[in-house]
Amino acid sequence: MANTIKHQTDRQLGGPRSVLARQRRDHAEIDRLMERYRARRDDEDGERALKELVQLVFSHAFAEETVLWPVVRRLVPDGEELTARVEEEHQQINDLVTAVERLPLGDPERADRIERAFALIRQDIRDEEDLLLPRLQEAMDATRLRRLGAAWETVRRTAPTHPHPAVPRRPPGNAVLGVPLSLKDRARDALSARGPAAGPRTAATGLAVLLALTGAARAIRRGRRRAHPRGRR
């Protein structure tokens, strides 16, 4: 069995563009943002770090559930059990962050839910890097890992960026609902980042995201065909 991907080189993971290397880079950035929030939780920079973290965590998880986990379930013998475990962690994080976004700053319950979400995120990263992604590494060669990485990255860059507890964790339900949710989330992010002056740009932003999502859907289909060619395991 392959070792954890945490300490492997990019070359061992199939190159910097492989889905394994891309996943690990995101995980490192997620960890950095959690530490930045903890160090500055009482000022505006801490809240900015938390917003960036939420956007990354949920776009990252959506791309996993839409692109990666279906491939794992097809190629890995115990893929169903492994992905179900990670999906449950994603749902718990989703529920906690939904509550955080509804609570006012300074509320002790908000701080508690953030810490619980952080603990789950770290557990999720360990489960993926130590258990699930090494199994995917065993099942795919470097070329296929890079192709899957391109599809995953396309979806991640156009995915919803906030929690949506009622959305299914698996395709096709999550992919169908992801288009309008991504438009809504990214317009919200743009307004939050740029203030009221961003209003006139929202429609253009939404159109750009919609076009990108159309490309993402094609990338998913190509990634699936390449990861699991007809007649081959």
Protein backbone atom coordinates (compact mmCIF):
# COMPACT_ATOMS: atom_id res chain seq x y z
CA MET A 1 0.00 0.00 0.00
CA ALA A 2 1.22 3.52 -0.81
CA ASN A 3 2.39 5.71 2.07
CA THR A 4 0.75 8.93 3.13
CA ILE A 5 1.10 11.62 0.48
CA LYS A 6 2.09 14.17 3.14
CA HIS A 7 5.85 13.49 2.94
CA GLN A 8 6.20 12.39 -0.70
CA THR A 9 7.85 14.59 -3.31
CA ASP A 10 5.84 16.13 -6.13
CA ARG A 11 7.61 13.74 -8.49
CA GLN A 12 6.43 10.75 -6.47
CA LEU A 13 2.90 12.14 -6.59
CA GLY A 14 2.90 12.31 -10.38
CA GLY A 15 4.24 15.84 -10.78
CA PRO A 16 3.07 19.24 -9.50
CA ARG A 17 -0.02 19.15 -11.72
CA SER A 18 -1.24 15.77 -10.48
CA VAL A 19 -4.40 15.72 -8.42
CA LEU A 20 -2.42 14.46 -5.42
CA ALA A 21 0.04 17.38 -5.47
CA ARG A 22 -2.79 19.87 -6.01
CA GLN A 23 -4.73 18.40 -3.08
CA ARG A 24 -1.73 18.60 -0.80
CA ARG A 25 -1.06 22.25 -1.71
CA ASP A 26 -4.65 23.13 -0.87
CA HIS A 27 -4.40 21.27 2.42
CA ALA A 28 -1.26 23.23 3.34
CA GLU A 29 -3.01 26.51 2.53
CA ILE A 30 -6.05 25.49 4.58
CA ASP A 31 -3.78 24.78 7.55
CA ARG A 32 -2.00 28.12 7.10
CA LEU A 33 -5.32 30.01 7.07
CA MET A 34 -6.49 28.27 10.23
CA GLU A 35 -3.30 29.29 12.00
CA ARG A 36 -3.61 32.85 10.69
CA TYR A 37 -7.14 33.06 12.03
CA ARG A 38 -6.10 31.79 15.45
CA ALA A 39 -3.27 34.31 15.65
CA ARG A 40 -5.49 37.26 14.63
CA ARG A 41 -8.99 36.16 15.63
CA ASP A 42 -9.73 39.41 17.47
CA ASP A 43 -9.10 41.75 14.54
CA GLU A 44 -10.16 42.25 10.92
CA ASP A 45 -7.30 40.21 9.52
CA GLY A 46 -8.51 37.19 11.45
CA GLU A 47 -11.98 37.52 9.94
CA ARG A 48 -10.46 37.92 6.46
CA ALA A 49 -8.50 34.71 7.02
CA LEU A 50 -11.68 32.93 8.08
CA LYS A 51 -13.52 34.11 4.95
CA GLU A 52 -10.66 32.94 2.72
CA LEU A 53 -10.61 29.62 4.56
CA VAL A 54 -14.35 29.05 4.10
CA GLN A 55 -14.12 29.82 0.38
CA LEU A 56 -11.22 27.41 -0.10
CA VAL A 57 -12.59 24.60 2.07
CA PHE A 58 -15.95 24.46 0.32
CA SER A 59 -14.72 24.84 -3.25
CA HIS A 60 -12.06 22.19 -2.52
CA ALA A 61 -14.59 19.75 -1.03
CA PHE A 62 -17.10 20.29 -3.86
CA ALA A 63 -14.43 19.44 -6.45
CA GLU A 64 -13.50 16.31 -4.49
CA GLU A 65 -17.08 15.12 -4.31
CA THR A 66 -17.81 15.92 -7.95
CA VAL A 67 -14.60 14.72 -9.61
CA LEU A 68 -12.42 12.59 -7.30
CA TRP A 69 -14.64 10.44 -5.15
CA PRO A 70 -16.62 8.91 -8.05
CA VAL A 71 -13.27 7.78 -9.51
CA VAL A 72 -12.19 6.36 -6.14
CA ARG A 73 -15.44 4.40 -5.86
CA ARG A 74 -14.85 2.89 -9.31
CA LEU A 75 -11.16 2.07 -8.99
CA VAL A 76 -10.54 1.31 -5.31
CA PRO A 77 -11.99 -1.91 -3.82
CA ASP A 78 -13.07 -0.26 -0.55
CA GLY A 79 -13.66 3.12 -2.19
CA GLU A 80 -17.30 3.26 -1.13
CA GLU A 81 -16.41 2.97 2.55
CA LEU A 82 -13.51 5.43 2.31
CA THR A 83 -15.46 8.13 0.49
CA ALA A 84 -18.51 7.71 2.74
CA ARG A 85 -16.29 8.44 5.75
CA VAL A 86 -14.91 11.64 4.19
CA GLU A 87 -18.36 12.73 2.97
CA GLU A 88 -19.67 12.47 6.52
CA GLU A 89 -16.83 14.71 7.71
CA HIS A 90 -17.68 17.19 4.96
CA GLN A 91 -21.32 17.25 6.04
CA GLN A 92 -20.41 17.91 9.67
CA ILE A 93 -18.09 20.76 8.62
CA ASN A 94 -20.88 22.10 6.41
CA ASP A 95 -23.34 22.16 9.30
CA LEU A 96 -20.89 23.82 11.69
CA VAL A 97 -19.85 26.57 9.28
CA THR A 98 -23.48 27.23 8.37
CA ALA A 99 -24.10 27.95 12.05
CA VAL A 100 -20.95 30.10 12.28
CA GLU A 101 -22.09 32.30 9.39
CA ARG A 102 -25.38 32.96 11.20
CA LEU A 103 -23.88 33.90 14.57
CA PRO A 104 -22.64 37.40 15.48
CA LEU A 105 -19.01 38.23 16.10
CA GLY A 106 -18.03 37.77 19.72
CA ASP A 107 -20.63 35.09 20.41
CA PRO A 108 -18.96 32.31 22.48
CA GLU A 109 -20.95 29.70 20.57
CA ARG A 110 -19.47 31.00 17.31
CA ALA A 111 -15.93 30.57 18.63
CA ASP A 112 -16.74 27.05 19.82
CA ARG A 113 -18.17 26.00 16.47
CA ILE A 114 -15.18 27.42 14.62
CA GLU A 115 -12.81 25.33 16.75
CA ARG A 116 -14.93 22.23 16.24
CA ALA A 117 -14.92 22.85 12.49
CA PHE A 118 -11.13 23.29 12.52
CA ALA A 119 -10.70 19.97 14.33
CA LEU A 120 -12.88 18.22 11.75
CA ILE A 121 -11.03 19.86 8.86
CA ARG A 122 -7.72 18.61 10.23
CA GLN A 123 -9.16 15.11 10.68
CA ASP A 124 -10.51 15.22 7.13
CA ILE A 125 -7.09 16.19 5.76
CA ARG A 126 -5.44 13.30 7.60
CA ASP A 127 -8.03 10.80 6.37
CA GLU A 128 -7.52 11.98 2.81
CA GLU A 129 -3.71 12.16 2.85
CA ASP A 130 -3.14 8.98 4.89
CA LEU A 131 -5.95 6.70 3.71
CA LEU A 132 -7.91 7.75 0.65
CA LEU A 133 -5.46 9.50 -1.67
CA PRO A 134 -2.74 6.81 -1.30
CA ARG A 135 -5.29 4.28 -2.53
CA LEU A 136 -6.02 6.47 -5.55
CA GLN A 137 -2.25 6.72 -6.12
CA GLU A 138 -2.06 2.92 -6.28
CA ALA A 139 -4.86 2.75 -8.86
CA MET A 140 -3.66 5.41 -11.35
CA ASP A 141 -0.43 6.18 -13.17
CA ALA A 142 1.13 9.66 -13.26
CA THR A 143 -0.44 10.63 -16.59
CA ARG A 144 -3.93 9.84 -15.40
CA LEU A 145 -3.31 11.60 -12.09
CA ARG A 146 -2.35 14.76 -13.99
CA ARG A 147 -5.44 14.55 -16.21
CA LEU A 148 -7.65 14.07 -13.19
CA GLY A 149 -5.88 17.00 -11.54
CA ALA A 150 -6.78 19.28 -14.44
CA ALA A 151 -10.47 18.34 -14.19
CA TRP A 152 -10.45 18.75 -10.40
CA GLU A 153 -8.78 22.19 -10.63
CA THR A 154 -11.30 23.42 -13.21
CA VAL A 155 -14.22 22.48 -10.97
CA ARG A 156 -12.57 23.83 -7.81
CA ARG A 157 -12.09 27.25 -9.40
CA THR A 158 -15.78 27.47 -10.33
CA ALA A 159 -17.41 25.67 -7.38
CA PRO A 160 -19.65 27.04 -4.61
CA THR A 161 -17.63 28.78 -1.89
CA HIS A 162 -19.99 28.58 1.10
CA PRO A 163 -21.78 25.79 2.99
CA HIS A 164 -25.07 24.47 1.63
CA PRO A 165 -26.21 21.70 4.01
CA ALA A 166 -29.15 20.53 1.88
CA VAL A 167 -27.06 19.88 -1.24
CA PRO A 168 -26.35 16.17 -1.93
CA ARG A 169 -22.77 15.06 -1.43
CA ARG A 170 -22.69 13.05 -4.68
CA PRO A 171 -23.25 13.57 -8.40
CA PRO A 172 -25.43 14.22 -10.24
CA GLY A 173 -27.34 16.12 -7.53
CA ASN A 174 -24.43 18.21 -6.29
CA ALA A 175 -23.24 19.06 -9.81
CA VAL A 176 -26.72 20.17 -10.93
CA LEU A 177 -27.26 22.39 -7.89
CA GLY A 178 -23.68 23.65 -7.97
CA VAL A 179 -24.21 25.98 -10.95
CA PRO A 180 -26.75 28.38 -9.38
CA LEU A 181 -25.10 28.11 -5.97
CA SER A 182 -21.71 29.03 -7.39
CA LEU A 183 -23.19 32.08 -9.12
CA LYS A 184 -24.77 33.17 -5.85
CA ASP A 185 -21.69 32.49 -3.71
CA ARG A 186 -19.19 34.16 -6.01
CA ALA A 187 -21.34 37.24 -6.43
CA ARG A 188 -21.56 37.40 -2.63
CA ASP A 189 -17.79 37.05 -2.33
CA ALA A 190 -17.20 39.79 -4.90
CA LEU A 191 -19.52 42.18 -3.08
CA SER A 192 -17.88 41.39 0.24
CA ALA A 193 -14.39 41.93 -1.14
CA ARG A 194 -15.06 45.10 -3.14
CA GLY A 195 -17.94 46.75 -1.33
CA PRO A 196 -20.97 48.47 -2.89
CA ALA A 197 -18.99 49.57 -5.95
CA ALA A 198 -18.89 45.94 -7.07
CA GLY A 199 -22.65 45.91 -7.67
CA PRO A 200 -22.56 46.77 -11.41
CA ARG A 201 -19.96 44.06 -11.96
CA THR A 202 -22.00 41.26 -10.42
CA ALA A 203 -23.80 40.29 -13.63
CA ALA A 204 -20.53 40.11 -15.55
CA THR A 205 -18.97 38.06 -12.76
CA GLY A 206 -21.90 35.65 -12.82
CA LEU A 207 -21.70 35.23 -16.59
CA ALA A 208 -17.97 34.51 -16.39
CA VAL A 209 -18.56 31.87 -13.71
CA LEU A 210 -21.39 30.29 -15.70
CA LEU A 211 -19.16 29.97 -18.75
CA ALA A 212 -16.41 28.50 -16.59
CA LEU A 213 -18.82 25.99 -15.08
CA THR A 214 -19.85 24.87 -18.56
CA GLY A 215 -16.19 24.15 -19.24
CA ALA A 216 -15.91 22.41 -15.87
CA ALA A 217 -18.72 20.01 -16.77
CA ARG A 218 -16.86 19.05 -19.93
CA ALA A 219 -13.64 18.64 -17.95
CA ILE A 220 -15.39 16.31 -15.50
CA ARG A 221 -16.62 14.09 -18.32
CA ARG A 222 -13.18 14.01 -19.95
CA GLY A 223 -11.50 13.30 -16.61
CA ARG A 224 -13.86 10.40 -15.92
CA ARG A 225 -13.36 8.87 -19.36
CA ARG A 226 -9.57 9.14 -19.07
CA ALA A 227 -9.48 7.88 -15.50
CA HIS A 228 -11.65 4.87 -16.36
CA PRO A 229 -11.38 3.99 -20.08
CA ARG A 230 -14.08 1.73 -21.50
CA GLY A 231 -13.23 -1.89 -21.08
CA ARG A 232 -10.35 -1.23 -18.65
CA ARG A 233 -10.22 -0.97 -14.87
